[in-house]
PDB file of N, CA and C in Angstrom:
ATOM      1  N   SER A   1     -15.131  30.049 -22.782  1.00  0.00           N
ATOM      2  CA  SER A   1     -14.407  28.850 -22.369  1.00  0.00           C
ATOM      3  C   SER A   1     -15.312  27.953 -21.550  1.00  0.00           C
ATOM      4  N   SER A   2     -15.131  26.655 -21.683  1.00  0.00           N
ATOM      5  CA  SER A   2     -16.013  25.688 -21.041  1.00  0.00           C
ATOM      6  C   SER A   2     -15.651  25.435 -19.589  1.00  0.00           C
ATOM      7  N   GLY A   3     -14.465  25.812 -19.163  1.00  0.00           N
ATOM      8  CA  GLY A   3     -14.067  25.594 -17.781  1.00  0.00           C
ATOM      9  C   GLY A   3     -13.403  24.265 -17.539  1.00  0.00           C
ATOM     10  N   ILE A   4     -13.214  23.451 -18.584  1.00  0.00           N
ATOM     11  CA  ILE A   4     -12.551  22.153 -18.418  1.00  0.00           C
ATOM     12  C   ILE A   4     -11.094  22.304 -18.796  1.00  0.00           C
ATOM     13  N   ASN A   5     -10.216  21.894 -17.933  1.00  0.00           N
ATOM     14  CA  ASN A   5      -8.786  21.905 -18.199  1.00  0.00           C
ATOM     15  C   ASN A   5      -8.279  20.486 -18.186  1.00  0.00           C
ATOM     16  N   ALA A   6      -7.671  20.044 -19.273  1.00  0.00           N
ATOM     17  CA  ALA A   6      -7.060  18.714 -19.299  1.00  0.00           C
ATOM     18  C   ALA A   6      -5.687  18.835 -18.673  1.00  0.00           C
ATOM     19  N   GLU A   7      -5.423  18.077 -17.649  1.00  0.00           N
ATOM     20  CA  GLU A   7      -4.131  18.116 -16.995  1.00  0.00           C
ATOM     21  C   GLU A   7      -3.412  16.821 -17.305  1.00  0.00           C
ATOM     22  N   TYR A   8      -2.187  16.915 -17.698  1.00  0.00           N
ATOM     23  CA  TYR A   8      -1.431  15.740 -18.092  1.00  0.00           C
ATOM     24  C   TYR A   8      -1.123  14.888 -16.882  1.00  0.00           C
ATOM     25  N   GLY A   9      -1.507  13.624 -16.948  1.00  0.00           N
ATOM     26  CA  GLY A   9      -1.285  12.711 -15.843  1.00  0.00           C
ATOM     27  C   GLY A   9       0.084  12.058 -15.895  1.00  0.00           C
ATOM     28  N   ASP A  10       0.761  12.122 -17.047  1.00  0.00           N
ATOM     29  CA  ASP A  10       2.049  11.451 -17.197  1.00  0.00           C
ATOM     30  C   ASP A  10       3.215  12.271 -16.675  1.00  0.00           C
ATOM     31  N   ILE A  11       3.030  13.561 -16.541  1.00  0.00           N
ATOM     32  CA  ILE A  11       4.116  14.421 -16.085  1.00  0.00           C
ATOM     33  C   ILE A  11       3.657  15.221 -14.880  1.00  0.00           C
ATOM     34  N   GLY A  12       4.602  15.772 -14.162  1.00  0.00           N
ATOM     35  CA  GLY A  12       4.266  16.551 -12.978  1.00  0.00           C
ATOM     36  C   GLY A  12       3.789  17.940 -13.358  1.00  0.00           C
ATOM     37  N   VAL A  13       2.533  18.239 -13.090  1.00  0.00           N
ATOM     38  CA  VAL A  13       1.956  19.545 -13.359  1.00  0.00           C
ATOM     39  C   VAL A  13       1.423  20.080 -12.050  1.00  0.00           C
ATOM     40  N   ASP A  14       1.732  21.326 -11.752  1.00  0.00           N
ATOM     41  CA  ASP A  14       1.242  21.952 -10.533  1.00  0.00           C
ATOM     42  C   ASP A  14      -0.253  22.175 -10.664  1.00  0.00           C
ATOM     43  N   SER A  15      -1.049  21.415  -9.930  1.00  0.00           N
ATOM     44  CA  SER A  15      -2.501  21.501 -10.066  1.00  0.00           C
ATOM     45  C   SER A  15      -3.098  22.671  -9.293  1.00  0.00           C
ATOM     46  N   SER A  16      -2.306  23.415  -8.530  1.00  0.00           N
ATOM     47  CA  SER A  16      -2.857  24.536  -7.770  1.00  0.00           C
ATOM     48  C   SER A  16      -3.371  25.638  -8.687  1.00  0.00           C
ATOM     49  N   LYS A  17      -2.825  25.752  -9.892  1.00  0.00           N
ATOM     50  CA  LYS A  17      -3.304  26.797 -10.807  1.00  0.00           C
ATOM     51  C   LYS A  17      -4.664  26.455 -11.402  1.00  0.00           C
ATOM     52  N   PHE A  18      -5.132  25.221 -11.212  1.00  0.00           N
ATOM     53  CA  PHE A  18      -6.442  24.814 -11.701  1.00  0.00           C
ATOM     54  C   PHE A  18      -7.472  24.731 -10.566  1.00  0.00           C
ATOM     55  N   ALA A  19      -7.175  25.310  -9.415  1.00  0.00           N
ATOM     56  CA  ALA A  19      -8.079  25.247  -8.261  1.00  0.00           C
ATOM     57  C   ALA A  19      -9.435  25.844  -8.631  1.00  0.00           C
ATOM     58  N   GLY A  20     -10.486  25.101  -8.337  1.00  0.00           N
ATOM     59  CA  GLY A  20     -11.832  25.561  -8.623  1.00  0.00           C
ATOM     60  C   GLY A  20     -12.300  25.300 -10.039  1.00  0.00           C
ATOM     61  N   LYS A  21     -11.468  24.702 -10.875  1.00  0.00           N
ATOM     62  CA  LYS A  21     -11.829  24.382 -12.260  1.00  0.00           C
ATOM     63  C   LYS A  21     -12.149  22.897 -12.371  1.00  0.00           C
ATOM     64  N   ARG A  22     -12.910  22.554 -13.390  1.00  0.00           N
ATOM     65  CA  ARG A  22     -13.196  21.141 -13.655  1.00  0.00           C
ATOM     66  C   ARG A  22     -11.968  20.519 -14.305  1.00  0.00           C
ATOM     67  N   ILE A  23     -11.498  19.411 -13.731  1.00  0.00           N
ATOM     68  CA  ILE A  23     -10.277  18.760 -14.206  1.00  0.00           C
ATOM     69  C   ILE A  23     -10.560  17.280 -14.447  1.00  0.00           C
ATOM     70  N   TYR A  24     -10.020  16.772 -15.530  1.00  0.00           N
ATOM     71  CA  TYR A  24     -10.016  15.328 -15.776  1.00  0.00           C
ATOM     72  C   TYR A  24      -8.583  14.950 -16.088  1.00  0.00           C
ATOM     73  N   ARG A  25      -8.010  14.094 -15.284  1.00  0.00           N
ATOM     74  CA  ARG A  25      -6.620  13.683 -15.477  1.00  0.00           C
ATOM     75  C   ARG A  25      -6.569  12.464 -16.380  1.00  0.00           C
ATOM     76  N   ALA A  26      -5.701  12.539 -17.392  1.00  0.00           N
ATOM     77  CA  ALA A  26      -5.563  11.420 -18.326  1.00  0.00           C
ATOM     78  C   ALA A  26      -4.133  11.384 -18.822  1.00  0.00           C
ATOM     79  N   GLY A  27      -3.697  10.220 -19.237  1.00  0.00           N
ATOM     80  CA  GLY A  27      -2.358  10.060 -19.764  1.00  0.00           C
ATOM     81  C   GLY A  27      -2.254  10.561 -21.193  1.00  0.00           C
ATOM     82  N   VAL A  28      -1.051  10.885 -21.599  1.00  0.00           N
ATOM     83  CA  VAL A  28      -0.801  11.370 -22.955  1.00  0.00           C
ATOM     84  C   VAL A  28      -1.122  10.295 -23.981  1.00  0.00           C
ATOM     85  N   THR A  29      -0.812   9.051 -23.668  1.00  0.00           N
ATOM     86  CA  THR A  29      -1.076   7.946 -24.590  1.00  0.00           C
ATOM     87  C   THR A  29      -2.562   7.846 -24.907  1.00  0.00           C
ATOM     88  N   LYS A  30      -3.382   8.021 -23.901  1.00  0.00           N
ATOM     89  CA  LYS A  30      -4.822   7.972 -24.091  1.00  0.00           C
ATOM     90  C   LYS A  30      -5.281   9.094 -25.029  1.00  0.00           C
ATOM     91  N   ALA A  31      -4.704  10.271 -24.888  1.00  0.00           N
ATOM     92  CA  ALA A  31      -5.069  11.407 -25.741  1.00  0.00           C
ATOM     93  C   ALA A  31      -4.627  11.197 -27.181  1.00  0.00           C
ATOM     94  N   ILE A  32      -3.523  10.520 -27.387  1.00  0.00           N
ATOM     95  CA  ILE A  32      -3.032  10.270 -28.741  1.00  0.00           C
ATOM     96  C   ILE A  32      -3.868   9.195 -29.426  1.00  0.00           C
ATOM     97  N   LYS A  33      -4.196   8.132 -28.691  1.00  0.00           N
ATOM     98  CA  LYS A  33      -4.911   7.001 -29.296  1.00  0.00           C
ATOM     99  C   LYS A  33      -6.385   7.281 -29.544  1.00  0.00           C
ATOM    100  N   ASP A  34      -7.050   7.990 -28.654  1.00  0.00           N
ATOM    101  CA  ASP A  34      -8.487   8.235 -28.791  1.00  0.00           C
ATOM    102  C   ASP A  34      -8.827   9.651 -28.312  1.00  0.00           C
ATOM    103  N   PRO A  35      -8.477  10.686 -29.084  1.00  0.00           N
ATOM    104  CA  PRO A  35      -8.708  12.055 -28.618  1.00  0.00           C
ATOM    105  C   PRO A  35     -10.192  12.407 -28.465  1.00  0.00           C
ATOM    106  N   GLU A  36     -11.033  11.972 -29.423  1.00  0.00           N
ATOM    107  CA  GLU A  36     -12.459  12.290 -29.336  1.00  0.00           C
ATOM    108  C   GLU A  36     -13.092  11.628 -28.121  1.00  0.00           C
ATOM    109  N   GLY A  37     -12.735  10.366 -27.884  1.00  0.00           N
ATOM    110  CA  GLY A  37     -13.261   9.658 -26.720  1.00  0.00           C
ATOM    111  C   GLY A  37     -12.813  10.287 -25.417  1.00  0.00           C
ATOM    112  N   LEU A  38     -11.573  10.737 -25.384  1.00  0.00           N
ATOM    113  CA  LEU A  38     -11.047  11.377 -24.177  1.00  0.00           C
ATOM    114  C   LEU A  38     -11.765  12.691 -23.894  1.00  0.00           C
ATOM    115  N   ILE A  39     -12.027  13.460 -24.934  1.00  0.00           N
ATOM    116  CA  ILE A  39     -12.733  14.733 -24.746  1.00  0.00           C
ATOM    117  C   ILE A  39     -14.146  14.482 -24.233  1.00  0.00           C
ATOM    118  N   ALA A  40     -14.827  13.498 -24.825  1.00  0.00           N
ATOM    119  CA  ALA A  40     -16.181  13.168 -24.364  1.00  0.00           C
ATOM    120  C   ALA A  40     -16.167  12.707 -22.907  1.00  0.00           C
ATOM    121  N   THR A  41     -15.196  11.861 -22.565  1.00  0.00           N
ATOM    122  CA  THR A  41     -15.071  11.377 -21.191  1.00  0.00           C
ATOM    123  C   THR A  41     -14.751  12.528 -20.235  1.00  0.00           C
ATOM    124  N   ALA A  42     -13.908  13.465 -20.679  1.00  0.00           N
ATOM    125  CA  ALA A  42     -13.544  14.601 -19.835  1.00  0.00           C
ATOM    126  C   ALA A  42     -14.759  15.467 -19.525  1.00  0.00           C
ATOM    127  N   PHE A  43     -15.628  15.687 -20.519  1.00  0.00           N
ATOM    128  CA  PHE A  43     -16.834  16.470 -20.271  1.00  0.00           C
ATOM    129  C   PHE A  43     -17.761  15.771 -19.291  1.00  0.00           C
ATOM    130  N   GLU A  44     -17.796  14.443 -19.327  1.00  0.00           N
ATOM    131  CA  GLU A  44     -18.682  13.684 -18.447  1.00  0.00           C
ATOM    132  C   GLU A  44     -18.130  13.530 -17.036  1.00  0.00           C
ATOM    133  N   LYS A  45     -16.824  13.250 -16.913  1.00  0.00           N
ATOM    134  CA  LYS A  45     -16.271  12.831 -15.627  1.00  0.00           C
ATOM    135  C   LYS A  45     -15.353  13.847 -14.956  1.00  0.00           C
ATOM    136  N   ALA A  46     -15.204  15.020 -15.534  1.00  0.00           N
ATOM    137  CA  ALA A  46     -14.332  16.026 -14.909  1.00  0.00           C
ATOM    138  C   ALA A  46     -14.928  16.454 -13.575  1.00  0.00           C
ATOM    139  N   ILE A  47     -14.052  16.657 -12.595  1.00  0.00           N
ATOM    140  CA  ILE A  47     -14.489  17.074 -11.262  1.00  0.00           C
ATOM    141  C   ILE A  47     -13.777  18.356 -10.879  1.00  0.00           C
ATOM    142  N   VAL A  48     -14.353  19.076  -9.929  1.00  0.00           N
ATOM    143  CA  VAL A  48     -13.739  20.301  -9.427  1.00  0.00           C
ATOM    144  C   VAL A  48     -12.785  19.910  -8.314  1.00  0.00           C
ATOM    145  N   GLU A  49     -11.526  20.340  -8.451  1.00  0.00           N
ATOM    146  CA  GLU A  49     -10.526  20.048  -7.435  1.00  0.00           C
ATOM    147  C   GLU A  49     -10.060  21.338  -6.794  1.00  0.00           C
ATOM    148  N   GLY A  50      -9.805  21.281  -5.495  1.00  0.00           N
ATOM    149  CA  GLY A  50      -9.219  22.410  -4.801  1.00  0.00           C
ATOM    150  C   GLY A  50      -7.714  22.345  -4.899  1.00  0.00           C
ATOM    151  N   ALA A  51      -7.039  23.377  -4.437  1.00  0.00           N
ATOM    152  CA  ALA A  51      -5.583  23.429  -4.523  1.00  0.00           C
ATOM    153  C   ALA A  51      -4.923  22.367  -3.657  1.00  0.00           C
ATOM    154  N   ASP A  52      -5.565  21.990  -2.535  1.00  0.00           N
ATOM    155  CA  ASP A  52      -4.936  21.035  -1.630  1.00  0.00           C
ATOM    156  C   ASP A  52      -5.620  19.677  -1.616  1.00  0.00           C
ATOM    157  N   GLU A  53      -6.600  19.438  -2.515  1.00  0.00           N
ATOM    158  CA  GLU A  53      -7.258  18.139  -2.566  1.00  0.00           C
ATOM    159  C   GLU A  53      -6.489  17.188  -3.460  1.00  0.00           C
ATOM    160  N   PRO A  54      -6.405  15.931  -3.104  1.00  0.00           N
ATOM    161  CA  PRO A  54      -5.791  14.951  -3.999  1.00  0.00           C
ATOM    162  C   PRO A  54      -6.707  14.643  -5.169  1.00  0.00           C
ATOM    163  N   SER A  55      -6.135  14.081  -6.201  1.00  0.00           N
ATOM    164  CA  SER A  55      -6.913  13.727  -7.392  1.00  0.00           C
ATOM    165  C   SER A  55      -7.861  12.587  -7.095  1.00  0.00           C
ATOM    166  N   LYS A  56      -9.110  12.710  -7.597  1.00  0.00           N
ATOM    167  CA  LYS A  56     -10.087  11.650  -7.426  1.00  0.00           C
ATOM    168  C   LYS A  56     -10.451  11.016  -8.750  1.00  0.00           C
ATOM    169  N   SER A  57     -10.019  11.608  -9.853  1.00  0.00           N
ATOM    170  CA  SER A  57     -10.364  11.034 -11.151  1.00  0.00           C
ATOM    171  C   SER A  57      -9.288  10.057 -11.583  1.00  0.00           C
ATOM    172  N   GLY A  58      -9.636   9.202 -12.523  1.00  0.00           N
ATOM    173  CA  GLY A  58      -8.736   8.120 -12.887  1.00  0.00           C
ATOM    174  C   GLY A  58      -7.868   8.422 -14.080  1.00  0.00           C
ATOM    175  N   GLY A  59      -6.997   7.465 -14.413  1.00  0.00           N
ATOM    176  CA  GLY A  59      -6.202   7.529 -15.620  1.00  0.00           C
ATOM    177  C   GLY A  59      -4.847   8.176 -15.472  1.00  0.00           C
ATOM    178  N   ALA A  60      -4.482   8.619 -14.293  1.00  0.00           N
ATOM    179  CA  ALA A  60      -3.252   9.388 -14.174  1.00  0.00           C
ATOM    180  C   ALA A  60      -2.006   8.520 -14.174  1.00  0.00           C
ATOM    181  N   GLY A  61      -1.978   7.490 -13.407  1.00  0.00           N
ATOM    182  CA  GLY A  61      -0.779   6.673 -13.324  1.00  0.00           C
ATOM    183  C   GLY A  61       0.241   7.283 -12.385  1.00  0.00           C
ATOM    184  N   LYS A  62       1.431   6.718 -12.350  1.00  0.00           N
ATOM    185  CA  LYS A  62       2.489   7.154 -11.455  1.00  0.00           C
ATOM    186  C   LYS A  62       3.201   8.374 -12.019  1.00  0.00           C
ATOM    187  N   ASP A  63       3.516   9.323 -11.170  1.00  0.00           N
ATOM    188  CA  ASP A  63       4.234  10.517 -11.592  1.00  0.00           C
ATOM    189  C   ASP A  63       5.697  10.158 -11.806  1.00  0.00           C
ATOM    190  N   ILE A  64       6.196  10.299 -13.021  1.00  0.00           N
ATOM    191  CA  ILE A  64       7.560   9.876 -13.327  1.00  0.00           C
ATOM    192  C   ILE A  64       8.600  10.871 -12.840  1.00  0.00           C
ATOM    193  N   PHE A  65       8.163  12.058 -12.406  1.00  0.00           N
ATOM    194  CA  PHE A  65       9.118  13.065 -11.978  1.00  0.00           C
ATOM    195  C   PHE A  65       9.419  13.013 -10.486  1.00  0.00           C
ATOM    196  N   GLU A  66       8.678  12.248  -9.738  1.00  0.00           N
ATOM    197  CA  GLU A  66       8.917  12.188  -8.300  1.00  0.00           C
ATOM    198  C   GLU A  66       9.095  10.752  -7.840  1.00  0.00           C
ATOM    199  N   VAL A  67       9.918  10.592  -6.826  1.00  0.00           N
ATOM    200  CA  VAL A  67      10.078   9.299  -6.189  1.00  0.00           C
ATOM    201  C   VAL A  67       9.520   9.415  -4.787  1.00  0.00           C
ATOM    202  N   SER A  68       9.453   8.304  -4.073  1.00  0.00           N
ATOM    203  CA  SER A  68       8.864   8.347  -2.740  1.00  0.00           C
ATOM    204  C   SER A  68       9.624   9.302  -1.842  1.00  0.00           C
ATOM    205  N   GLY A  69       8.897   9.951  -0.938  1.00  0.00           N
ATOM    206  CA  GLY A  69       9.501  10.896  -0.016  1.00  0.00           C
ATOM    207  C   GLY A  69       9.530  12.311  -0.565  1.00  0.00           C
ATOM    208  N   GLY A  70       8.986  12.551  -1.752  1.00  0.00           N
ATOM    209  CA  GLY A  70       8.936  13.897  -2.310  1.00  0.00           C
ATOM    210  C   GLY A  70      10.238  14.348  -2.949  1.00  0.00           C
ATOM    211  N   LYS A  71      11.223  13.467  -3.043  1.00  0.00           N
ATOM    212  CA  LYS A  71      12.483  13.852  -3.666  1.00  0.00           C
ATOM    213  C   LYS A  71      12.326  13.922  -5.169  1.00  0.00           C
ATOM    214  N   GLN A  72      13.078  14.803  -5.796  1.00  0.00           N
ATOM    215  CA  GLN A  72      12.998  14.915  -7.245  1.00  0.00           C
ATOM    216  C   GLN A  72      13.757  13.769  -7.887  1.00  0.00           C
ATOM    217  N   GLY A  73      13.172  13.219  -8.919  1.00  0.00           N
ATOM    218  CA  GLY A  73      13.775  12.093  -9.613  1.00  0.00           C
ATOM    219  C   GLY A  73      14.781  12.549 -10.657  1.00  0.00           C
ATOM    220  N   ILE A  74      15.512  11.590 -11.176  1.00  0.00           N
ATOM    221  CA  ILE A  74      16.542  11.883 -12.170  1.00  0.00           C
ATOM    222  C   ILE A  74      15.926  12.387 -13.472  1.00  0.00           C
ATOM    223  N   MET A  75      14.695  11.968 -13.751  1.00  0.00           N
ATOM    224  CA  MET A  75      14.041  12.393 -14.995  1.00  0.00           C
ATOM    225  C   MET A  75      13.884  13.908 -15.048  1.00  0.00           C
ATOM    226  N   LYS A  76      13.530  14.522 -13.943  1.00  0.00           N
ATOM    227  CA  LYS A  76      13.356  15.979 -13.911  1.00  0.00           C
ATOM    228  C   LYS A  76      14.684  16.678 -14.181  1.00  0.00           C
ATOM    229  N   HIS A  77      15.765  16.152 -13.637  1.00  0.00           N
ATOM    230  CA  HIS A  77      17.078  16.753 -13.864  1.00  0.00           C
ATOM    231  C   HIS A  77      17.499  16.614 -15.323  1.00  0.00           C
ATOM    232  N   LEU A  78      17.229  15.454 -15.905  1.00  0.00           N
ATOM    233  CA  LEU A  78      17.567  15.251 -17.310  1.00  0.00           C
ATOM    234  C   LEU A  78      16.781  16.192 -18.211  1.00  0.00           C
ATOM    235  N   MET A  79      15.504  16.338 -17.946  1.00  0.00           N
ATOM    236  CA  MET A  79      14.673  17.206 -18.771  1.00  0.00           C
ATOM    237  C   MET A  79      15.086  18.675 -18.627  1.00  0.00           C
ATOM    238  N   SER A  80      15.506  19.074 -17.439  1.00  0.00           N
ATOM    239  CA  SER A  80      15.999  20.440 -17.257  1.00  0.00           C
ATOM    240  C   SER A  80      17.261  20.664 -18.069  1.00  0.00           C
ATOM    241  N   GLY A  81      18.167  19.699 -18.041  1.00  0.00           N
ATOM    242  CA  GLY A  81      19.403  19.818 -18.819  1.00  0.00           C
ATOM    243  C   GLY A  81      19.136  19.887 -20.309  1.00  0.00           C
ATOM    244  N   VAL A  82      18.199  19.083 -20.781  1.00  0.00           N
ATOM    245  CA  VAL A  82      17.856  19.099 -22.203  1.00  0.00           C
ATOM    246  C   VAL A  82      17.265  20.440 -22.594  1.00  0.00           C
ATOM    247  N   SER A  83      16.376  20.980 -21.767  1.00  0.00           N
ATOM    248  CA  SER A  83      15.750  22.251 -22.125  1.00  0.00           C
ATOM    249  C   SER A  83      16.752  23.405 -22.137  1.00  0.00           C
ATOM    250  N   TYR A  84      17.799  23.339 -21.322  1.00  0.00           N
ATOM    251  CA  TYR A  84      18.835  24.381 -21.368  1.00  0.00           C
ATOM    252  C   TYR A  84      19.753  24.210 -22.572  1.00  0.00           C
ATOM    253  N   MET A  85      19.897  22.988 -23.070  1.00  0.00           N
ATOM    254  CA  MET A  85      20.807  22.740 -24.193  1.00  0.00           C
ATOM    255  C   MET A  85      20.188  23.030 -25.554  1.00  0.00           C
ATOM    256  N   VAL A  86      18.872  23.012 -25.673  1.00  0.00           N
ATOM    257  CA  VAL A  86      18.218  23.200 -26.975  1.00  0.00           C
ATOM    258  C   VAL A  86      18.619  24.518 -27.639  1.00  0.00           C
ATOM    259  N   PRO A  87      18.592  25.670 -26.967  1.00  0.00           N
ATOM    260  CA  PRO A  87      18.995  26.907 -27.642  1.00  0.00           C
ATOM    261  C   PRO A  87      20.458  26.888 -28.094  1.00  0.00           C
ATOM    262  N   ILE A  88      21.313  26.243 -27.326  1.00  0.00           N
ATOM    263  CA  ILE A  88      22.732  26.179 -27.686  1.00  0.00           C
ATOM    264  C   ILE A  88      22.923  25.334 -28.936  1.00  0.00           C
ATOM    265  N   VAL A  89      22.211  24.224 -29.033  1.00  0.00           N
ATOM    266  CA  VAL A  89      22.308  23.365 -30.215  1.00  0.00           C
ATOM    267  C   VAL A  89      21.768  24.086 -31.446  1.00  0.00           C
ATOM    268  N   ILE A  90      20.669  24.799 -31.299  1.00  0.00           N
ATOM    269  CA  ILE A  90      20.101  25.558 -32.420  1.00  0.00           C
ATOM    270  C   ILE A  90      21.060  26.644 -32.872  1.00  0.00           C
ATOM    271  N   LEU A  91      21.633  27.359 -31.930  1.00  0.00           N
ATOM    272  CA  LEU A  91      22.593  28.411 -32.269  1.00  0.00           C
ATOM    273  C   LEU A  91      23.811  27.822 -32.971  1.00  0.00           C
ATOM    274  N   GLY A  92      24.265  26.665 -32.527  1.00  0.00           N
ATOM    275  CA  GLY A  92      25.383  25.996 -33.193  1.00  0.00           C
ATOM    276  C   GLY A  92      25.050  25.659 -34.638  1.00  0.00           C
ATOM    277  N   GLY A  93      23.846  25.173 -34.896  1.00  0.00           N
ATOM    278  CA  GLY A  93      23.417  24.870 -36.260  1.00  0.00           C
ATOM    279  C   GLY A  93      23.367  26.111 -37.130  1.00  0.00           C
ATOM    280  N   ILE A  94      22.889  27.201 -36.561  1.00  0.00           N
ATOM    281  CA  ILE A  94      22.842  28.464 -37.317  1.00  0.00           C
ATOM    282  C   ILE A  94      24.252  28.928 -37.660  1.00  0.00           C
ATOM    283  N   PHE A  95      25.169  28.856 -36.715  1.00  0.00           N
ATOM    284  CA  PHE A  95      26.556  29.272 -36.976  1.00  0.00           C
ATOM    285  C   PHE A  95      27.220  28.394 -38.036  1.00  0.00           C
ATOM    286  N   ILE A  96      26.964  27.103 -38.003  1.00  0.00           N
ATOM    287  CA  ILE A  96      27.530  26.211 -39.023  1.00  0.00           C
ATOM    288  C   ILE A  96      26.981  26.574 -40.398  1.00  0.00           C
ATOM    289  N   ALA A  97      25.675  26.815 -40.493  1.00  0.00           N
ATOM    290  CA  ALA A  97      25.068  27.194 -41.770  1.00  0.00           C
ATOM    291  C   ALA A  97      25.634  28.521 -42.273  1.00  0.00           C
ATOM    292  N   LEU A  98      25.799  29.478 -41.376  1.00  0.00           N
ATOM    293  CA  LEU A  98      26.391  30.765 -41.781  1.00  0.00           C
ATOM    294  C   LEU A  98      27.831  30.584 -42.240  1.00  0.00           C
ATOM    295  N   GLY A  99      28.578  29.763 -41.534  1.00  0.00           N
ATOM    296  CA  GLY A  99      29.974  29.525 -41.906  1.00  0.00           C
ATOM    297  C   GLY A  99      30.104  28.886 -43.275  1.00  0.00           C
ATOM    298  N   ILE A 100      29.269  27.898 -43.547  1.00  0.00           N
ATOM    299  CA  ILE A 100      29.303  27.238 -44.854  1.00  0.00           C
ATOM    300  C   ILE A 100      28.871  28.213 -45.948  1.00  0.00           C
ATOM    301  N   GLY A 101      27.812  28.986 -45.680  1.00  0.00           N
ATOM    302  CA  GLY A 101      27.339  29.960 -46.666  1.00  0.00           C
ATOM    303  C   GLY A 101      28.365  31.023 -46.967  1.00  0.00           C
ATOM    304  N   LEU A 102      29.013  31.538 -45.931  1.00  0.00           N
ATOM    305  CA  LEU A 102      30.039  32.575 -46.138  1.00  0.00           C
ATOM    306  C   LEU A 102      31.261  32.022 -46.857  1.00  0.00           C
ATOM    307  N   SER A 103      31.645  30.809 -46.523  1.00  0.00           N
ATOM    308  CA  SER A 103      32.813  30.239 -47.197  1.00  0.00           C
ATOM    309  C   SER A 103      32.545  30.018 -48.679  1.00  0.00           C
ATOM    310  N   LYS A 104      31.339  29.619 -49.021  1.00  0.00           N
ATOM    311  CA  LYS A 104      31.012  29.441 -50.442  1.00  0.00           C
ATOM    312  C   LYS A 104      30.892  30.794 -51.143  1.00  0.00           C
ATOM    313  N   ALA A 105      30.397  31.792 -50.436  1.00  0.00           N
ATOM    314  CA  ALA A 105      30.274  33.134 -51.040  1.00  0.00           C
ATOM    315  C   ALA A 105      31.650  33.752 -51.264  1.00  0.00           C
ATOM    316  N   LEU A 106      32.573  33.555 -50.343  1.00  0.00           N
ATOM    317  CA  LEU A 106      33.903  34.173 -50.448  1.00  0.00           C
ATOM    318  C   LEU A 106      34.856  33.397 -51.351  1.00  0.00           C
ATOM    319  N   TYR A 107      34.810  32.073 -51.288  1.00  0.00           N
ATOM    320  CA  TYR A 107      35.811  31.269 -51.975  1.00  0.00           C
ATOM    321  C   TYR A 107      35.246  30.474 -53.144  1.00  0.00           C
ATOM    322  N   GLY A 108      33.980  30.596 -53.442  1.00  0.00           N
ATOM    323  CA  GLY A 108      33.385  29.856 -54.546  1.00  0.00           C
ATOM    324  C   GLY A 108      32.943  28.477 -54.109  1.00  0.00           C
ATOM    325  N   LYS A 109      32.422  27.713 -55.084  1.00  0.00           N
ATOM    326  CA  LYS A 109      31.871  26.409 -54.749  1.00  0.00           C
ATOM    327  C   LYS A 109      32.952  25.362 -54.469  1.00  0.00           C
ATOM    328  N   ASN A 110      34.150  25.561 -54.919  1.00  0.00           N
ATOM    329  CA  ASN A 110      35.217  24.578 -54.707  1.00  0.00           C
ATOM    330  C   ASN A 110      35.930  24.839 -53.448  1.00  0.00           C
TER     331      ASN A 110
END
């Protein structure tokens, strides 16, 4: 491994797990539009950050998950709710498919 960790600048990521590693912070949009350029830039400009040091590299932008004062924003609550609902929605789809399949198997196509 090269020791470079790309940390997403658009979302809140706990940077303490990358303490002592070379980090280059960049937005997701930048990675989608120019991935090769971003990788080259990351190799050139990545810096070593400690667990309690603020970010010194560019491209991060405002953290959408936090508001001033360290309070959690509404976006974090919405994303938590969505992540808890995904398995329930998938299970509902599976049950509907099973119900339709069983009804056709038991009662025919009509």
